[in-house]
Amino acid sequence: MNPLELEASMNKQELPLRYEIDSKCDQIDYFSEQVLFNRISLNGKPIFEAELAYSCYSEVYRMYIAKDENGGFMAIGLYNPFSDNTPDCWTSNLDSSFKVEVLFIAYACFDGVRSLNFNPSISHPSLERLTQMLTKLRMIEIENCTDADEPIPNTVNH
């Protein structure tokens, strides 16, 4: 079976970044179905080789990133509905694998995040955890993307 690939031209050099799911189906909507964790790839590499950029205290939400050599990266936010609230819940079931929900996928180049795709239906979301993941995503963008937007000073009075 060929893996499903979503490719995007991320800069003038036409650098492909992809999200792949190896499945028994020719087509899979990764935002409407849970996917096998061990089948997720970022930039063509298994998720196990990606950097764990965010994990909440309960180990239910995680975000992984894979950087490229051109100042860009790919990020994926995941929800593990079967979490037992320990880090082992993400690794102990790899032989039988487990399913996760894809919350979002982000593609970034030298000038910042160019595409941020959200799952249109997230059941029982933790807005606090999603906000933390997106804040971390922004921090990674500032650190890695040389031409990303400058941070806006906080002008809100508390």
C-alpha atoms as a PDB file:
ATOM      1  CA  MET A   1       0.000   0.000   0.000  1.00  0.00           C
ATOM      2  CA  ASN A   2       1.128   3.508  -0.699  1.00  0.00           C
ATOM      3  CA  PRO A   3       1.010   5.846   2.269  1.00  0.00           C
ATOM      4  CA  LEU A   4      -1.345   8.767   2.085  1.00  0.00           C
ATOM      5  CA  GLU A   5       0.719  11.888   1.625  1.00  0.00           C
ATOM      6  CA  LEU A   6      -0.220  15.501   1.972  1.00  0.00           C
ATOM      7  CA  GLU A   7       2.502  17.624   0.465  1.00  0.00           C
ATOM      8  CA  ALA A   8       2.868  21.356   0.493  1.00  0.00           C
ATOM      9  CA  SER A   9       5.328  23.564  -1.288  1.00  0.00           C
ATOM     10  CA  MET A  10       6.689  25.452   1.648  1.00  0.00           C
ATOM     11  CA  ASN A  11       9.018  28.010   0.067  1.00  0.00           C
ATOM     12  CA  LYS A  12      10.499  29.143  -3.200  1.00  0.00           C
ATOM     13  CA  GLN A  13      12.767  26.095  -3.273  1.00  0.00           C
ATOM     14  CA  GLU A  14       9.695  23.808  -3.369  1.00  0.00           C
ATOM     15  CA  LEU A  15      10.687  21.870  -0.263  1.00  0.00           C
ATOM     16  CA  PRO A  16       8.134  19.109   0.365  1.00  0.00           C
ATOM     17  CA  LEU A  17       6.911  18.524   3.892  1.00  0.00           C
ATOM     18  CA  ARG A  18       4.531  15.656   4.379  1.00  0.00           C
ATOM     19  CA  TYR A  19       2.261  13.915   6.795  1.00  0.00           C
ATOM     20  CA  GLU A  20       1.993  10.227   6.095  1.00  0.00           C
ATOM     21  CA  ILE A  21      -0.295   7.555   7.404  1.00  0.00           C
ATOM     22  CA  ASP A  22       0.283   3.982   6.351  1.00  0.00           C
ATOM     23  CA  SER A  23      -3.147   2.409   6.228  1.00  0.00           C
ATOM     24  CA  LYS A  24      -4.944  -0.481   4.641  1.00  0.00           C
ATOM     25  CA  CYS A  25      -7.198   2.032   2.920  1.00  0.00           C
ATOM     26  CA  ASP A  26      -6.176   4.057  -0.072  1.00  0.00           C
ATOM     27  CA  GLN A  27      -7.812   7.114   1.467  1.00  0.00           C
ATOM     28  CA  ILE A  28      -8.109   8.125   5.103  1.00  0.00           C
ATOM     29  CA  ASP A  29      -9.392  11.330   6.633  1.00  0.00           C
ATOM     30  CA  TYR A  30      -7.007  11.731   9.540  1.00  0.00           C
ATOM     31  CA  PHE A  31      -9.206  14.416  11.096  1.00  0.00           C
ATOM     32  CA  SER A  32     -12.341  12.265  11.243  1.00  0.00           C
ATOM     33  CA  GLU A  33     -10.778   9.010  12.379  1.00  0.00           C
ATOM     34  CA  GLN A  34      -8.352   7.990  15.077  1.00  0.00           C
ATOM     35  CA  VAL A  35      -5.022   6.898  13.625  1.00  0.00           C
ATOM     36  CA  LEU A  36      -2.433   4.398  14.794  1.00  0.00           C
ATOM     37  CA  PHE A  37       0.267   6.276  16.677  1.00  0.00           C
ATOM     38  CA  ASN A  38       3.112   4.152  15.340  1.00  0.00           C
ATOM     39  CA  ARG A  39       2.035   4.861  11.724  1.00  0.00           C
ATOM     40  CA  ILE A  40       2.452   8.638  11.952  1.00  0.00           C
ATOM     41  CA  SER A  41       5.435  10.180  10.166  1.00  0.00           C
ATOM     42  CA  LEU A  42       6.681  13.750  10.209  1.00  0.00           C
ATOM     43  CA  ASN A  43       8.753  14.908   7.253  1.00  0.00           C
ATOM     44  CA  GLY A  44       9.095  11.290   6.166  1.00  0.00           C
ATOM     45  CA  LYS A  45      10.470  10.065   9.510  1.00  0.00           C
ATOM     46  CA  PRO A  46       8.680   7.916  12.099  1.00  0.00           C
ATOM     47  CA  ILE A  47       7.120   9.863  14.939  1.00  0.00           C
ATOM     48  CA  PHE A  48       9.554   8.144  17.314  1.00  0.00           C
ATOM     49  CA  GLU A  49      12.352  10.180  15.715  1.00  0.00           C
ATOM     50  CA  ALA A  50      10.474  13.471  16.152  1.00  0.00           C
ATOM     51  CA  GLU A  51      11.059  15.793  19.082  1.00  0.00           C
ATOM     52  CA  LEU A  52       8.484  15.778  21.863  1.00  0.00           C
ATOM     53  CA  ALA A  53       7.825  19.518  22.138  1.00  0.00           C
ATOM     54  CA  TYR A  54       4.864  19.483  24.525  1.00  0.00           C
ATOM     55  CA  SER A  55       3.320  17.036  26.957  1.00  0.00           C
ATOM     56  CA  CYS A  56       0.744  17.998  29.546  1.00  0.00           C
ATOM     57  CA  TYR A  57       1.025  16.752  33.116  1.00  0.00           C
ATOM     58  CA  SER A  58      -1.639  14.096  32.524  1.00  0.00           C
ATOM     59  CA  GLU A  59       0.062  12.805  29.346  1.00  0.00           C
ATOM     60  CA  VAL A  60      -3.207  13.066  27.423  1.00  0.00           C
ATOM     61  CA  TYR A  61      -2.069  15.801  25.017  1.00  0.00           C
ATOM     62  CA  ARG A  62       1.236  15.861  23.156  1.00  0.00           C
ATOM     63  CA  MET A  63       2.854  17.824  20.367  1.00  0.00           C
ATOM     64  CA  TYR A  64       5.738  16.517  18.275  1.00  0.00           C
ATOM     65  CA  ILE A  65       7.918  18.494  15.873  1.00  0.00           C
ATOM     66  CA  ALA A  66      10.367  17.595  13.133  1.00  0.00           C
ATOM     67  CA  LYS A  67      12.725  20.370  12.049  1.00  0.00           C
ATOM     68  CA  ASP A  68      14.246  20.621   8.609  1.00  0.00           C
ATOM     69  CA  GLU A  69      17.610  21.973   7.527  1.00  0.00           C
ATOM     70  CA  ASN A  70      16.107  25.145   6.026  1.00  0.00           C
ATOM     71  CA  GLY A  71      14.731  26.718   9.201  1.00  0.00           C
ATOM     72  CA  GLY A  72      11.302  25.170   8.912  1.00  0.00           C
ATOM     73  CA  PHE A  73       9.496  22.444  10.766  1.00  0.00           C
ATOM     74  CA  MET A  74       6.376  20.339  10.899  1.00  0.00           C
ATOM     75  CA  ALA A  75       4.312  19.918  14.067  1.00  0.00           C
ATOM     76  CA  ILE A  76       1.459  17.634  15.015  1.00  0.00           C
ATOM     77  CA  GLY A  77      -0.802  17.921  18.050  1.00  0.00           C
ATOM     78  CA  LEU A  78      -2.199  14.655  19.373  1.00  0.00           C
ATOM     79  CA  TYR A  79      -4.765  13.515  21.917  1.00  0.00           C
ATOM     80  CA  ASN A  80      -4.525  10.050  23.487  1.00  0.00           C
ATOM     81  CA  PRO A  81      -8.007   9.101  24.718  1.00  0.00           C
ATOM     82  CA  PHE A  82      -6.584   5.899  26.197  1.00  0.00           C
ATOM     83  CA  SER A  83      -3.976   7.600  28.370  1.00  0.00           C
ATOM     84  CA  ASP A  84      -3.430   6.192  31.838  1.00  0.00           C
ATOM     85  CA  ASN A  85      -1.851   9.529  32.842  1.00  0.00           C
ATOM     86  CA  THR A  86       1.741   8.282  32.629  1.00  0.00           C
ATOM     87  CA  PRO A  87       4.416   8.790  29.946  1.00  0.00           C
ATOM     88  CA  ASP A  88       4.483   5.009  29.475  1.00  0.00           C
ATOM     89  CA  CYS A  89       1.014   5.073  27.930  1.00  0.00           C
ATOM     90  CA  TRP A  90       2.595   6.490  24.764  1.00  0.00           C
ATOM     91  CA  THR A  91       5.295   3.810  24.510  1.00  0.00           C
ATOM     92  CA  SER A  92       4.199   0.672  26.366  1.00  0.00           C
ATOM     93  CA  ASN A  93       1.552  -0.301  23.802  1.00  0.00           C
ATOM     94  CA  LEU A  94       3.691  -0.008  20.697  1.00  0.00           C
ATOM     95  CA  ASP A  95       3.614  -3.718  19.927  1.00  0.00           C
ATOM     96  CA  SER A  96      -0.164  -3.630  19.689  1.00  0.00           C
ATOM     97  CA  SER A  97      -0.147   0.103  18.871  1.00  0.00           C
ATOM     98  CA  PHE A  98      -2.889   2.424  19.947  1.00  0.00           C
ATOM     99  CA  LYS A  99      -4.991   5.050  18.284  1.00  0.00           C
ATOM    100  CA  VAL A 100      -4.724   8.780  18.801  1.00  0.00           C
ATOM    101  CA  GLU A 101      -6.707  11.743  17.579  1.00  0.00           C
ATOM    102  CA  VAL A 102      -4.894  14.283  15.434  1.00  0.00           C
ATOM    103  CA  LEU A 103      -5.788  17.742  16.767  1.00  0.00           C
ATOM    104  CA  PHE A 104      -3.785  19.828  14.319  1.00  0.00           C
ATOM    105  CA  ILE A 105      -0.945  19.748  11.825  1.00  0.00           C
ATOM    106  CA  ALA A 106       1.307  22.760  11.217  1.00  0.00           C
ATOM    107  CA  TYR A 107       3.826  23.356   8.445  1.00  0.00           C
ATOM    108  CA  ALA A 108       6.439  26.098   8.825  1.00  0.00           C
ATOM    109  CA  CYS A 109       9.232  27.502   6.682  1.00  0.00           C
ATOM    110  CA  PHE A 110      11.853  30.173   7.185  1.00  0.00           C
ATOM    111  CA  ASP A 111       9.133  32.838   7.432  1.00  0.00           C
ATOM    112  CA  GLY A 112       6.911  31.066   9.957  1.00  0.00           C
ATOM    113  CA  VAL A 113       3.894  28.804  10.021  1.00  0.00           C
ATOM    114  CA  ARG A 114       2.330  28.745   6.572  1.00  0.00           C
ATOM    115  CA  SER A 115      -0.376  26.179   7.157  1.00  0.00           C
ATOM    116  CA  LEU A 116      -2.204  25.220  10.342  1.00  0.00           C
ATOM    117  CA  ASN A 117      -4.906  22.602   9.846  1.00  0.00           C
ATOM    118  CA  PHE A 118      -7.249  21.814  12.726  1.00  0.00           C
ATOM    119  CA  ASN A 119      -9.473  18.827  13.288  1.00  0.00           C
ATOM    120  CA  PRO A 120     -12.969  20.270  12.766  1.00  0.00           C
ATOM    121  CA  SER A 121     -14.426  18.193  15.602  1.00  0.00           C
ATOM    122  CA  ILE A 122     -12.539  17.733  18.865  1.00  0.00           C
ATOM    123  CA  SER A 123     -14.587  15.995  21.562  1.00  0.00           C
ATOM    124  CA  HIS A 124     -14.276  17.295  25.116  1.00  0.00           C
ATOM    125  CA  PRO A 125     -11.277  19.532  24.400  1.00  0.00           C
ATOM    126  CA  SER A 126      -9.176  21.078  27.089  1.00  0.00           C
ATOM    127  CA  LEU A 127      -8.902  24.666  25.921  1.00  0.00           C
ATOM    128  CA  GLU A 128      -6.127  25.177  28.457  1.00  0.00           C
ATOM    129  CA  ARG A 129      -4.016  22.349  26.958  1.00  0.00           C
ATOM    130  CA  LEU A 130      -4.737  23.432  23.373  1.00  0.00           C
ATOM    131  CA  THR A 131      -3.720  26.987  24.271  1.00  0.00           C
ATOM    132  CA  GLN A 132      -0.511  25.698  25.846  1.00  0.00           C
ATOM    133  CA  MET A 133       0.294  23.674  22.714  1.00  0.00           C
ATOM    134  CA  LEU A 134      -0.311  26.638  20.409  1.00  0.00           C
ATOM    135  CA  THR A 135       1.781  28.887  22.663  1.00  0.00           C
ATOM    136  CA  LYS A 136       4.609  26.345  22.461  1.00  0.00           C
ATOM    137  CA  LEU A 137       4.136  26.178  18.681  1.00  0.00           C
ATOM    138  CA  ARG A 138       4.557  29.964  18.509  1.00  0.00           C
ATOM    139  CA  MET A 139       7.722  29.791  20.643  1.00  0.00           C
ATOM    140  CA  ILE A 140       9.164  27.152  18.292  1.00  0.00           C
ATOM    141  CA  GLU A 141       8.270  29.340  15.307  1.00  0.00           C
ATOM    142  CA  ILE A 142      10.116  32.335  16.821  1.00  0.00           C
ATOM    143  CA  GLU A 143      13.165  30.193  17.678  1.00  0.00           C
ATOM    144  CA  ASN A 144      13.469  28.418  14.320  1.00  0.00           C
ATOM    145  CA  CYS A 145      12.017  30.582  11.586  1.00  0.00           C
ATOM    146  CA  THR A 146      14.426  33.397  10.770  1.00  0.00           C
ATOM    147  CA  ASP A 147      11.812  35.621   9.113  1.00  0.00           C
ATOM    148  CA  ALA A 148       8.833  34.892  11.380  1.00  0.00           C
ATOM    149  CA  ASP A 149       6.622  37.725  12.625  1.00  0.00           C
ATOM    150  CA  GLU A 150       8.040  39.570  15.597  1.00  0.00           C
ATOM    151  CA  PRO A 151       6.247  38.987  18.905  1.00  0.00           C
ATOM    152  CA  ILE A 152       3.630  41.621  19.667  1.00  0.00           C
ATOM    153  CA  PRO A 153       4.179  43.346  23.018  1.00  0.00           C
ATOM    154  CA  ASN A 154       1.444  42.667  25.545  1.00  0.00           C
ATOM    155  CA  THR A 155      -0.654  45.828  25.648  1.00  0.00           C
ATOM    156  CA  VAL A 156      -3.585  44.432  27.601  1.00  0.00           C
ATOM    157  CA  ASN A 157      -4.005  45.892  31.072  1.00  0.00           C
ATOM    158  CA  HIS A 158      -4.839  43.296  33.694  1.00  0.00           C
END
